[in-house]
Amino acid sequence: MFLRLLAGAVLTLCLILPTAHADQPSAKTSHGIDRSAWNAPQKPFRIYANTWYVGPFGLSSILLDTGQGLALFDGDLPESVPVIEANIRALGFRVRDIRWILNSHAHSDHAGGIAALQRDSGAQVLTSAAGKREMALGGADPDDPQYGDIPDYPPVRHVRVLRDGEVVQLGSVAITAHYTPGHTPGSTSWAWTSCAGERCLRMVYADSLTAIGAPGFRFSDDPRRVAAFRQAIATVAALPCDILLTPHPDASDFWQKVARRRSESDVAPLIDTNACRAYAAAATKKLDARLAQEQAAARSNKGGKVIESRRGLRSKLRV
């Protein structure tokens, strides 16, 4: 009898206590997105020639065999490291053969696993000047539009900075770093060429170009930031681009293209020489929409203040 009464009391208490909202940020969510969905397993596969996909389903991690060591683009979430390392081994490569890790931008979903991957491989990390600062802070950079609204991660040390437009020779592959700030101050896009026999394709790993900010952040408060963002979009639009890859695969319709392949060697569905321009054009529309929303909100707030001030004046006149 006592146990039944106790169970009923516990059930009543559970019904009374408030539950967390499904979209409440936590270690398992980012902007209300389930991180486990980003980190869903994905079988690794060859994209083209010496370029491979080794990330989970929702977050890109790109492996490049330079002939003299492996280069890895992005380390995804901290919990993505076992997925990435298992995928690398499944392809017949060794984690300790990763000599370089290159980062798109220093948020937890793309740089969160880099410290562990660097520890496991001994790789050198390459990024932009601002990206180095952001990774050293574990993503908690006050200059980041999303500062205060995103999870942090283990800081990354011993980072080599590449200049904007610098070409670095990694084994037999020349990779160019293009600064594309906007989504974060240190955002960087990468370009290289992959060849199979006589056929060479221009690969672009273009960073995120979405204008997202923490609550209260306004891009329009800093015209220089907006100008740099527009220049970044123009940089991506101008890149010679046969195959476009992005940190979030769905941002470039990557999985739809992969689904159209008849075999792993069928590269045709992945080739779109207009992809970088289309990606940039979509980013321009989103940035313009964001700025328009900010300006409309500013006008609305200003109007509210004017009405409030007139009400206050009328009150004073009545007195």
C-alpha atoms as a PDB file:
ATOM      1  CA  MET A   1       0.000   0.000   0.000  1.00  0.00           C
ATOM      2  CA  PHE A   2       2.780   2.384   0.971  1.00  0.00           C
ATOM      3  CA  LEU A   3       4.628   1.675  -2.279  1.00  0.00           C
ATOM      4  CA  ARG A   4       1.494   2.414  -4.340  1.00  0.00           C
ATOM      5  CA  LEU A   5       1.025   5.725  -2.531  1.00  0.00           C
ATOM      6  CA  LEU A   6       4.703   6.615  -3.058  1.00  0.00           C
ATOM      7  CA  ALA A   7       4.521   5.807  -6.780  1.00  0.00           C
ATOM      8  CA  GLY A   8       1.408   7.969  -7.106  1.00  0.00           C
ATOM      9  CA  ALA A   9       3.119  10.857  -5.348  1.00  0.00           C
ATOM     10  CA  VAL A  10       6.145  10.620  -7.626  1.00  0.00           C
ATOM     11  CA  LEU A  11       3.902  10.545 -10.717  1.00  0.00           C
ATOM     12  CA  THR A  12       1.974  13.596  -9.478  1.00  0.00           C
ATOM     13  CA  LEU A  13       5.223  15.446  -8.816  1.00  0.00           C
ATOM     14  CA  CYS A  14       6.481  14.650 -12.346  1.00  0.00           C
ATOM     15  CA  LEU A  15       3.271  16.027 -13.830  1.00  0.00           C
ATOM     16  CA  ILE A  16       3.527  19.224 -11.779  1.00  0.00           C
ATOM     17  CA  LEU A  17       7.177  19.982 -12.464  1.00  0.00           C
ATOM     18  CA  PRO A  18       7.850  21.945 -15.711  1.00  0.00           C
ATOM     19  CA  THR A  19       9.666  20.135 -18.480  1.00  0.00           C
ATOM     20  CA  ALA A  20      12.376  21.615 -20.691  1.00  0.00           C
ATOM     21  CA  HIS A  21      11.248  22.947 -24.056  1.00  0.00           C
ATOM     22  CA  ALA A  22      12.240  20.701 -26.953  1.00  0.00           C
ATOM     23  CA  ASP A  23      14.246  23.503 -28.560  1.00  0.00           C
ATOM     24  CA  GLN A  24      15.982  24.611 -25.397  1.00  0.00           C
ATOM     25  CA  PRO A  25      19.744  24.822 -26.132  1.00  0.00           C
ATOM     26  CA  SER A  26      21.770  22.096 -24.488  1.00  0.00           C
ATOM     27  CA  ALA A  27      24.882  20.063 -25.064  1.00  0.00           C
ATOM     28  CA  LYS A  28      22.828  17.978 -27.490  1.00  0.00           C
ATOM     29  CA  THR A  29      21.376  20.824 -29.562  1.00  0.00           C
ATOM     30  CA  SER A  30      22.592  23.807 -31.556  1.00  0.00           C
ATOM     31  CA  HIS A  31      19.965  26.435 -32.430  1.00  0.00           C
ATOM     32  CA  GLY A  32      17.361  23.775 -31.639  1.00  0.00           C
ATOM     33  CA  ILE A  33      18.970  21.298 -34.069  1.00  0.00           C
ATOM     34  CA  ASP A  34      19.557  17.807 -32.739  1.00  0.00           C
ATOM     35  CA  ARG A  35      23.324  17.325 -32.853  1.00  0.00           C
ATOM     36  CA  SER A  36      22.878  13.557 -32.978  1.00  0.00           C
ATOM     37  CA  ALA A  37      21.154  13.981 -36.362  1.00  0.00           C
ATOM     38  CA  TRP A  38      24.177  15.918 -37.628  1.00  0.00           C
ATOM     39  CA  ASN A  39      26.398  13.135 -36.324  1.00  0.00           C
ATOM     40  CA  ALA A  40      24.412  10.249 -37.836  1.00  0.00           C
ATOM     41  CA  PRO A  41      26.717   7.570 -39.302  1.00  0.00           C
ATOM     42  CA  GLN A  42      27.608   7.790 -42.974  1.00  0.00           C
ATOM     43  CA  LYS A  43      29.611   5.254 -44.960  1.00  0.00           C
ATOM     44  CA  PRO A  44      32.750   6.926 -46.353  1.00  0.00           C
ATOM     45  CA  PHE A  45      33.190   7.118 -50.097  1.00  0.00           C
ATOM     46  CA  ARG A  46      35.285   8.593 -52.875  1.00  0.00           C
ATOM     47  CA  ILE A  47      34.021  11.924 -54.160  1.00  0.00           C
ATOM     48  CA  TYR A  48      36.530  12.104 -57.011  1.00  0.00           C
ATOM     49  CA  ALA A  49      40.088  10.882 -57.502  1.00  0.00           C
ATOM     50  CA  ASN A  50      42.041  11.609 -54.277  1.00  0.00           C
ATOM     51  CA  THR A  51      39.137  13.372 -52.520  1.00  0.00           C
ATOM     52  CA  TRP A  52      36.949  11.413 -50.078  1.00  0.00           C
ATOM     53  CA  TYR A  53      33.954  12.019 -47.816  1.00  0.00           C
ATOM     54  CA  VAL A  54      34.680  10.779 -44.268  1.00  0.00           C
ATOM     55  CA  GLY A  55      32.286  12.811 -42.110  1.00  0.00           C
ATOM     56  CA  PRO A  56      28.974  11.891 -40.529  1.00  0.00           C
ATOM     57  CA  PHE A  57      25.793  12.428 -42.535  1.00  0.00           C
ATOM     58  CA  GLY A  58      25.046  15.981 -41.456  1.00  0.00           C
ATOM     59  CA  LEU A  59      28.521  17.513 -41.261  1.00  0.00           C
ATOM     60  CA  SER A  60      31.199  17.366 -43.920  1.00  0.00           C
ATOM     61  CA  SER A  61      34.690  16.139 -43.245  1.00  0.00           C
ATOM     62  CA  ILE A  62      36.704  15.844 -46.434  1.00  0.00           C
ATOM     63  CA  LEU A  63      39.834  13.718 -46.753  1.00  0.00           C
ATOM     64  CA  LEU A  64      42.465  14.479 -49.374  1.00  0.00           C
ATOM     65  CA  ASP A  65      45.264  12.042 -50.191  1.00  0.00           C
ATOM     66  CA  THR A  66      48.189  14.263 -51.185  1.00  0.00           C
ATOM     67  CA  GLY A  67      50.537  11.378 -51.969  1.00  0.00           C
ATOM     68  CA  GLN A  68      52.726  12.447 -49.048  1.00  0.00           C
ATOM     69  CA  GLY A  69      50.219  12.355 -46.236  1.00  0.00           C
ATOM     70  CA  LEU A  70      46.548  13.043 -45.694  1.00  0.00           C
ATOM     71  CA  ALA A  71      44.850  16.439 -45.429  1.00  0.00           C
ATOM     72  CA  LEU A  72      41.545  16.648 -43.573  1.00  0.00           C
ATOM     73  CA  PHE A  73      39.062  19.487 -43.984  1.00  0.00           C
ATOM     74  CA  ASP A  74      37.117  20.053 -40.724  1.00  0.00           C
ATOM     75  CA  GLY A  75      36.795  17.980 -37.560  1.00  0.00           C
ATOM     76  CA  ASP A  76      33.051  18.480 -36.997  1.00  0.00           C
ATOM     77  CA  LEU A  77      31.630  18.020 -33.470  1.00  0.00           C
ATOM     78  CA  PRO A  78      33.720  16.689 -30.571  1.00  0.00           C
ATOM     79  CA  GLU A  79      31.544  13.569 -30.689  1.00  0.00           C
ATOM     80  CA  SER A  80      32.215  13.218 -34.447  1.00  0.00           C
ATOM     81  CA  VAL A  81      35.847  12.193 -33.913  1.00  0.00           C
ATOM     82  CA  PRO A  82      35.161   8.428 -33.532  1.00  0.00           C
ATOM     83  CA  VAL A  83      32.987   8.532 -36.671  1.00  0.00           C
ATOM     84  CA  ILE A  84      35.627  10.344 -38.730  1.00  0.00           C
ATOM     85  CA  GLU A  85      38.487   8.156 -37.538  1.00  0.00           C
ATOM     86  CA  ALA A  86      36.526   4.948 -38.161  1.00  0.00           C
ATOM     87  CA  ASN A  87      35.646   6.154 -41.664  1.00  0.00           C
ATOM     88  CA  ILE A  88      39.278   6.946 -42.422  1.00  0.00           C
ATOM     89  CA  ARG A  89      40.344   3.466 -41.311  1.00  0.00           C
ATOM     90  CA  ALA A  90      37.481   1.876 -43.296  1.00  0.00           C
ATOM     91  CA  LEU A  91      38.976   3.371 -46.462  1.00  0.00           C
ATOM     92  CA  GLY A  92      42.321   1.735 -45.700  1.00  0.00           C
ATOM     93  CA  PHE A  93      44.041   4.896 -44.468  1.00  0.00           C
ATOM     94  CA  ARG A  94      45.652   5.446 -41.072  1.00  0.00           C
ATOM     95  CA  VAL A  95      44.679   8.257 -38.700  1.00  0.00           C
ATOM     96  CA  ARG A  96      48.334   8.891 -37.909  1.00  0.00           C
ATOM     97  CA  ASP A  97      48.914   9.644 -41.596  1.00  0.00           C
ATOM     98  CA  ILE A  98      46.809  12.829 -41.314  1.00  0.00           C
ATOM     99  CA  ARG A  99      49.478  15.516 -41.606  1.00  0.00           C
ATOM    100  CA  TRP A 100      47.274  18.575 -42.012  1.00  0.00           C
ATOM    101  CA  ILE A 101      43.846  19.651 -40.716  1.00  0.00           C
ATOM    102  CA  LEU A 102      42.228  22.630 -42.438  1.00  0.00           C
ATOM    103  CA  ASN A 103      39.237  24.451 -40.946  1.00  0.00           C
ATOM    104  CA  SER A 104      36.331  26.197 -42.644  1.00  0.00           C
ATOM    105  CA  HIS A 105      35.108  28.102 -39.577  1.00  0.00           C
ATOM    106  CA  ALA A 106      35.619  27.789 -35.853  1.00  0.00           C
ATOM    107  CA  HIS A 107      32.162  26.785 -34.621  1.00  0.00           C
ATOM    108  CA  SER A 108      31.728  23.616 -32.575  1.00  0.00           C
ATOM    109  CA  ASP A 109      30.099  21.716 -35.446  1.00  0.00           C
ATOM    110  CA  HIS A 110      33.171  22.121 -37.678  1.00  0.00           C
ATOM    111  CA  ALA A 111      36.104  22.695 -35.316  1.00  0.00           C
ATOM    112  CA  GLY A 112      34.876  20.899 -32.196  1.00  0.00           C
ATOM    113  CA  GLY A 113      36.726  17.683 -33.015  1.00  0.00           C
ATOM    114  CA  ILE A 114      39.967  19.235 -34.237  1.00  0.00           C
ATOM    115  CA  ALA A 115      41.823  19.179 -30.902  1.00  0.00           C
ATOM    116  CA  ALA A 116      41.225  15.427 -30.528  1.00  0.00           C
ATOM    117  CA  LEU A 117      42.067  14.716 -34.159  1.00  0.00           C
ATOM    118  CA  GLN A 118      45.268  16.730 -33.822  1.00  0.00           C
ATOM    119  CA  ARG A 119      46.148  14.779 -30.669  1.00  0.00           C
ATOM    120  CA  ASP A 120      45.500  11.411 -32.341  1.00  0.00           C
ATOM    121  CA  SER A 121      47.359  12.188 -35.568  1.00  0.00           C
ATOM    122  CA  GLY A 122      49.967  14.820 -34.709  1.00  0.00           C
ATOM    123  CA  ALA A 123      48.681  16.887 -37.634  1.00  0.00           C
ATOM    124  CA  GLN A 124      49.381  20.567 -38.214  1.00  0.00           C
ATOM    125  CA  VAL A 125      46.236  22.736 -38.167  1.00  0.00           C
ATOM    126  CA  LEU A 126      45.867  25.399 -40.865  1.00  0.00           C
ATOM    127  CA  THR A 127      43.423  28.297 -40.806  1.00  0.00           C
ATOM    128  CA  SER A 128      43.038  32.065 -41.170  1.00  0.00           C
ATOM    129  CA  ALA A 129      44.384  34.657 -38.712  1.00  0.00           C
ATOM    130  CA  ALA A 130      40.952  35.229 -37.142  1.00  0.00           C
ATOM    131  CA  GLY A 131      40.251  31.504 -37.231  1.00  0.00           C
ATOM    132  CA  LYS A 132      43.355  30.835 -35.123  1.00  0.00           C
ATOM    133  CA  ARG A 133      42.099  33.255 -32.450  1.00  0.00           C
ATOM    134  CA  GLU A 134      38.612  31.720 -32.525  1.00  0.00           C
ATOM    135  CA  MET A 135      39.907  28.163 -32.137  1.00  0.00           C
ATOM    136  CA  ALA A 136      42.219  29.170 -29.284  1.00  0.00           C
ATOM    137  CA  LEU A 137      39.100  30.489 -27.515  1.00  0.00           C
ATOM    138  CA  GLY A 138      37.213  27.258 -28.105  1.00  0.00           C
ATOM    139  CA  GLY A 139      34.751  29.128 -30.306  1.00  0.00           C
ATOM    140  CA  ALA A 140      33.917  31.726 -27.644  1.00  0.00           C
ATOM    141  CA  ASP A 141      34.986  34.741 -29.702  1.00  0.00           C
ATOM    142  CA  PRO A 142      33.194  38.005 -28.767  1.00  0.00           C
ATOM    143  CA  ASP A 143      33.503  39.142 -32.406  1.00  0.00           C
ATOM    144  CA  ASP A 144      31.506  36.156 -33.671  1.00  0.00           C
ATOM    145  CA  PRO A 145      27.921  37.092 -34.656  1.00  0.00           C
ATOM    146  CA  GLN A 146      26.717  34.002 -32.777  1.00  0.00           C
ATOM    147  CA  TYR A 147      28.791  34.659 -29.641  1.00  0.00           C
ATOM    148  CA  GLY A 148      26.952  33.569 -26.511  1.00  0.00           C
ATOM    149  CA  ASP A 149      24.467  31.441 -28.450  1.00  0.00           C
ATOM    150  CA  ILE A 150      26.622  28.484 -29.502  1.00  0.00           C
ATOM    151  CA  PRO A 151      28.417  25.702 -27.609  1.00  0.00           C
ATOM    152  CA  ASP A 152      32.136  25.989 -26.969  1.00  0.00           C
ATOM    153  CA  TYR A 153      34.606  23.134 -27.442  1.00  0.00           C
ATOM    154  CA  PRO A 154      38.164  22.092 -26.512  1.00  0.00           C
ATOM    155  CA  PRO A 155      40.556  24.883 -27.584  1.00  0.00           C
ATOM    156  CA  VAL A 156      42.929  24.187 -30.463  1.00  0.00           C
ATOM    157  CA  ARG A 157      46.580  25.142 -30.038  1.00  0.00           C
ATOM    158  CA  HIS A 158      49.597  25.070 -32.358  1.00  0.00           C
ATOM    159  CA  VAL A 159      47.821  26.502 -35.377  1.00  0.00           C
ATOM    160  CA  ARG A 160      49.532  27.737 -38.535  1.00  0.00           C
ATOM    161  CA  VAL A 161      48.034  30.847 -40.126  1.00  0.00           C
ATOM    162  CA  LEU A 162      47.715  31.100 -43.901  1.00  0.00           C
ATOM    163  CA  ARG A 163      47.293  34.473 -45.586  1.00  0.00           C
ATOM    164  CA  ASP A 164      44.305  35.284 -47.766  1.00  0.00           C
ATOM    165  CA  GLY A 165      45.032  33.868 -51.205  1.00  0.00           C
ATOM    166  CA  GLU A 166      48.067  31.913 -50.010  1.00  0.00           C
ATOM    167  CA  VAL A 167      48.803  28.686 -51.869  1.00  0.00           C
ATOM    168  CA  VAL A 168      50.182  25.908 -49.695  1.00  0.00           C
ATOM    169  CA  GLN A 169      51.787  22.851 -51.250  1.00  0.00           C
ATOM    170  CA  LEU A 170      50.691  19.755 -49.347  1.00  0.00           C
ATOM    171  CA  GLY A 171      52.372  16.760 -50.920  1.00  0.00           C
ATOM    172  CA  SER A 172      51.489  16.805 -54.596  1.00  0.00           C
ATOM    173  CA  VAL A 173      48.439  19.047 -54.120  1.00  0.00           C
ATOM    174  CA  ALA A 174      48.377  22.861 -54.154  1.00  0.00           C
ATOM    175  CA  ILE A 175      45.598  24.218 -51.930  1.00  0.00           C
ATOM    176  CA  THR A 176      44.544  27.867 -51.895  1.00  0.00           C
ATOM    177  CA  ALA A 177      43.111  29.560 -48.821  1.00  0.00           C
ATOM    178  CA  HIS A 178      40.432  32.175 -49.525  1.00  0.00           C
ATOM    179  CA  TYR A 179      39.298  34.360 -46.634  1.00  0.00           C
ATOM    180  CA  THR A 180      35.499  34.529 -46.721  1.00  0.00           C
ATOM    181  CA  PRO A 181      34.490  36.270 -43.439  1.00  0.00           C
ATOM    182  CA  GLY A 182      30.865  36.842 -42.582  1.00  0.00           C
ATOM    183  CA  HIS A 183      29.386  33.747 -41.006  1.00  0.00           C
ATOM    184  CA  THR A 184      32.361  34.058 -38.646  1.00  0.00           C
ATOM    185  CA  PRO A 185      35.283  36.509 -38.745  1.00  0.00           C
ATOM    186  CA  GLY A 186      37.709  33.696 -39.585  1.00  0.00           C
ATOM    187  CA  SER A 187      35.672  31.860 -42.200  1.00  0.00           C
ATOM    188  CA  THR A 188      37.889  30.350 -44.906  1.00  0.00           C
ATOM    189  CA  SER A 189      37.106  28.606 -48.189  1.00  0.00           C
ATOM    190  CA  TRP A 190      39.555  26.188 -49.807  1.00  0.00           C
ATOM    191  CA  ALA A 191      40.270  25.289 -53.432  1.00  0.00           C
ATOM    192  CA  TRP A 192      42.375  22.573 -55.046  1.00  0.00           C
ATOM    193  CA  THR A 193      42.452  20.315 -58.105  1.00  0.00           C
ATOM    194  CA  SER A 194      41.864  16.561 -58.060  1.00  0.00           C
ATOM    195  CA  CYS A 195      42.974  14.460 -61.019  1.00  0.00           C
ATOM    196  CA  ALA A 196      42.095  10.947 -62.145  1.00  0.00           C
ATOM    197  CA  GLY A 197      44.259  10.058 -65.113  1.00  0.00           C
ATOM    198  CA  GLU A 198      44.051  12.887 -67.637  1.00  0.00           C
ATOM    199  CA  ARG A 199      40.890  14.373 -66.159  1.00  0.00           C
ATOM    200  CA  CYS A 200      41.296  17.087 -63.530  1.00  0.00           C
ATOM    201  CA  LEU A 201      38.413  18.744 -61.688  1.00  0.00           C
ATOM    202  CA  ARG A 202      38.473  21.969 -59.670  1.00  0.00           C
ATOM    203  CA  MET A 203      37.285  21.296 -56.127  1.00  0.00           C
ATOM    204  CA  VAL A 204      35.974  24.019 -53.826  1.00  0.00           C
ATOM    205  CA  TYR A 205      35.214  23.575 -50.142  1.00  0.00           C
ATOM    206  CA  ALA A 206      33.260  26.807 -49.683  1.00  0.00           C
ATOM    207  CA  ASP A 207      32.544  27.899 -46.153  1.00  0.00           C
ATOM    208  CA  SER A 208      29.084  28.742 -44.832  1.00  0.00           C
ATOM    209  CA  LEU A 209      27.794  32.087 -46.115  1.00  0.00           C
ATOM    210  CA  THR A 210      24.687  32.400 -43.943  1.00  0.00           C
ATOM    211  CA  ALA A 211      24.072  35.577 -41.949  1.00  0.00           C
ATOM    212  CA  ILE A 212      23.118  34.153 -38.560  1.00  0.00           C
ATOM    213  CA  GLY A 213      23.499  36.023 -35.277  1.00  0.00           C
ATOM    214  CA  ALA A 214      22.758  35.570 -31.606  1.00  0.00           C
ATOM    215  CA  PRO A 215      19.610  37.285 -30.262  1.00  0.00           C
ATOM    216  CA  GLY A 216      20.140  41.026 -30.391  1.00  0.00           C
ATOM    217  CA  PHE A 217      23.041  40.894 -32.852  1.00  0.00           C
ATOM    218  CA  ARG A 218      22.707  43.209 -35.866  1.00  0.00           C
ATOM    219  CA  PHE A 219      24.943  42.925 -38.917  1.00  0.00           C
ATOM    220  CA  SER A 220      23.728  46.356 -40.035  1.00  0.00           C
ATOM    221  CA  ASP A 221      25.351  47.992 -37.005  1.00  0.00           C
ATOM    222  CA  ASP A 222      28.760  47.511 -38.650  1.00  0.00           C
ATOM    223  CA  PRO A 223      28.944  48.545 -42.333  1.00  0.00           C
ATOM    224  CA  ARG A 224      32.504  47.223 -42.565  1.00  0.00           C
ATOM    225  CA  ARG A 225      31.349  43.770 -41.512  1.00  0.00           C
ATOM    226  CA  VAL A 226      28.602  43.846 -44.137  1.00  0.00           C
ATOM    227  CA  ALA A 227      31.063  44.993 -46.814  1.00  0.00           C
ATOM    228  CA  ALA A 228      33.453  42.168 -45.899  1.00  0.00           C
ATOM    229  CA  PHE A 229      30.565  39.696 -46.025  1.00  0.00           C
ATOM    230  CA  ARG A 230      29.593  40.848 -49.511  1.00  0.00           C
ATOM    231  CA  GLN A 231      33.212  40.579 -50.642  1.00  0.00           C
ATOM    232  CA  ALA A 232      33.354  37.032 -49.253  1.00  0.00           C
ATOM    233  CA  ILE A 233      30.265  36.091 -51.244  1.00  0.00           C
ATOM    234  CA  ALA A 234      31.803  37.624 -54.361  1.00  0.00           C
ATOM    235  CA  THR A 235      35.010  35.655 -53.750  1.00  0.00           C
ATOM    236  CA  VAL A 236      33.125  32.356 -53.692  1.00  0.00           C
ATOM    237  CA  ALA A 237      31.113  33.320 -56.788  1.00  0.00           C
ATOM    238  CA  ALA A 238      34.341  33.950 -58.716  1.00  0.00           C
ATOM    239  CA  LEU A 239      36.069  30.680 -57.835  1.00  0.00           C
ATOM    240  CA  PRO A 240      36.660  28.206 -60.666  1.00  0.00           C
ATOM    241  CA  CYS A 241      34.415  25.430 -59.477  1.00  0.00           C
ATOM    242  CA  ASP A 242      33.596  22.008 -60.926  1.00  0.00           C
ATOM    243  CA  ILE A 243      32.559  20.312 -57.673  1.00  0.00           C
ATOM    244  CA  LEU A 244      31.235  22.362 -54.766  1.00  0.00           C
ATOM    245  CA  LEU A 245      31.482  21.004 -51.229  1.00  0.00           C
ATOM    246  CA  THR A 246      30.187  22.802 -48.125  1.00  0.00           C
ATOM    247  CA  PRO A 247      30.524  22.269 -44.337  1.00  0.00           C
ATOM    248  CA  HIS A 248      26.841  21.331 -44.176  1.00  0.00           C
ATOM    249  CA  PRO A 249      26.270  18.950 -47.125  1.00  0.00           C
ATOM    250  CA  ASP A 250      22.632  19.954 -47.530  1.00  0.00           C
ATOM    251  CA  ALA A 251      23.663  23.590 -48.159  1.00  0.00           C
ATOM    252  CA  SER A 252      24.960  22.539 -51.580  1.00  0.00           C
ATOM    253  CA  ASP A 253      22.404  19.761 -52.271  1.00  0.00           C
ATOM    254  CA  PHE A 254      25.273  17.316 -51.956  1.00  0.00           C
ATOM    255  CA  TRP A 255      23.229  14.265 -50.992  1.00  0.00           C
ATOM    256  CA  GLN A 256      20.755  14.806 -53.820  1.00  0.00           C
ATOM    257  CA  LYS A 257      23.691  14.831 -56.248  1.00  0.00           C
ATOM    258  CA  VAL A 258      25.239  11.728 -54.668  1.00  0.00           C
ATOM    259  CA  ALA A 259      21.903   9.891 -54.935  1.00  0.00           C
ATOM    260  CA  ARG A 260      21.960  10.401 -58.701  1.00  0.00           C
ATOM    261  CA  ARG A 261      25.296   8.596 -59.107  1.00  0.00           C
ATOM    262  CA  ARG A 262      25.055   5.222 -60.818  1.00  0.00           C
ATOM    263  CA  SER A 263      28.326   4.091 -59.226  1.00  0.00           C
ATOM    264  CA  GLU A 264      31.108   5.501 -57.057  1.00  0.00           C
ATOM    265  CA  SER A 265      33.081   6.278 -60.195  1.00  0.00           C
ATOM    266  CA  ASP A 266      30.186   8.228 -61.724  1.00  0.00           C
ATOM    267  CA  VAL A 267      31.222  11.811 -61.052  1.00  0.00           C
ATOM    268  CA  ALA A 268      28.889  13.491 -63.555  1.00  0.00           C
ATOM    269  CA  PRO A 269      26.032  14.242 -61.087  1.00  0.00           C
ATOM    270  CA  LEU A 270      28.495  16.053 -58.797  1.00  0.00           C
ATOM    271  CA  ILE A 271      29.811  18.384 -61.473  1.00  0.00           C
ATOM    272  CA  ASP A 272      28.159  21.783 -61.745  1.00  0.00           C
ATOM    273  CA  THR A 273      30.313  24.636 -62.984  1.00  0.00           C
ATOM    274  CA  ASN A 274      27.636  27.097 -61.870  1.00  0.00           C
ATOM    275  CA  ALA A 275      27.403  25.726 -58.315  1.00  0.00           C
ATOM    276  CA  CYS A 276      29.658  28.311 -56.657  1.00  0.00           C
ATOM    277  CA  ARG A 277      27.817  31.178 -58.340  1.00  0.00           C
ATOM    278  CA  ALA A 278      24.438  29.750 -57.343  1.00  0.00           C
ATOM    279  CA  TYR A 279      25.619  29.207 -53.767  1.00  0.00           C
ATOM    280  CA  ALA A 280      26.814  32.816 -53.611  1.00  0.00           C
ATOM    281  CA  ALA A 281      23.614  34.171 -55.166  1.00  0.00           C
ATOM    282  CA  ALA A 282      21.514  32.376 -52.545  1.00  0.00           C
ATOM    283  CA  ALA A 283      23.757  33.807 -49.814  1.00  0.00           C
ATOM    284  CA  THR A 284      23.268  37.334 -51.171  1.00  0.00           C
ATOM    285  CA  LYS A 285      19.494  36.950 -51.016  1.00  0.00           C
ATOM    286  CA  LYS A 286      19.672  35.708 -47.425  1.00  0.00           C
ATOM    287  CA  LEU A 287      22.010  38.519 -46.371  1.00  0.00           C
ATOM    288  CA  ASP A 288      19.777  41.129 -48.021  1.00  0.00           C
ATOM    289  CA  ALA A 289      16.745  39.629 -46.279  1.00  0.00           C
ATOM    290  CA  ARG A 290      18.537  39.689 -42.928  1.00  0.00           C
ATOM    291  CA  LEU A 291      19.551  43.336 -43.344  1.00  0.00           C
ATOM    292  CA  ALA A 292      16.023  44.290 -44.415  1.00  0.00           C
ATOM    293  CA  GLN A 293      14.592  42.595 -41.309  1.00  0.00           C
ATOM    294  CA  GLU A 294      17.044  44.406 -39.068  1.00  0.00           C
ATOM    295  CA  GLN A 295      16.208  47.772 -40.656  1.00  0.00           C
ATOM    296  CA  ALA A 296      12.460  47.136 -40.398  1.00  0.00           C
ATOM    297  CA  ALA A 297      12.852  46.210 -36.732  1.00  0.00           C
ATOM    298  CA  ALA A 298      14.907  49.359 -36.117  1.00  0.00           C
ATOM    299  CA  ARG A 299      12.224  51.542 -37.731  1.00  0.00           C
ATOM    300  CA  SER A 300       9.540  49.801 -35.683  1.00  0.00           C
ATOM    301  CA  ASN A 301      11.469  50.322 -32.443  1.00  0.00           C
ATOM    302  CA  LYS A 302      12.141  53.948 -33.321  1.00  0.00           C
ATOM    303  CA  GLY A 303       8.462  54.504 -34.052  1.00  0.00           C
ATOM    304  CA  GLY A 304       7.528  52.935 -30.738  1.00  0.00           C
ATOM    305  CA  LYS A 305       9.915  55.254 -28.897  1.00  0.00           C
ATOM    306  CA  VAL A 306       8.447  58.313 -30.665  1.00  0.00           C
ATOM    307  CA  ILE A 307       4.888  57.285 -29.722  1.00  0.00           C
ATOM    308  CA  GLU A 308       5.968  56.661 -26.152  1.00  0.00           C
ATOM    309  CA  SER A 309       7.701  60.043 -25.976  1.00  0.00           C
ATOM    310  CA  ARG A 310       4.591  61.830 -27.350  1.00  0.00           C
ATOM    311  CA  ARG A 311       2.446  60.103 -24.738  1.00  0.00           C
ATOM    312  CA  GLY A 312       4.835  61.292 -22.071  1.00  0.00           C
ATOM    313  CA  LEU A 313       4.677  64.880 -23.409  1.00  0.00           C
ATOM    314  CA  ARG A 314       0.870  64.828 -23.411  1.00  0.00           C
ATOM    315  CA  SER A 315       0.904  63.602 -19.818  1.00  0.00           C
ATOM    316  CA  LYS A 316       3.156  66.489 -18.838  1.00  0.00           C
ATOM    317  CA  LEU A 317       0.916  69.025 -20.608  1.00  0.00           C
ATOM    318  CA  ARG A 318      -2.130  67.686 -18.801  1.00  0.00           C
ATOM    319  CA  VAL A 319      -0.304  68.201 -15.496  1.00  0.00           C
END
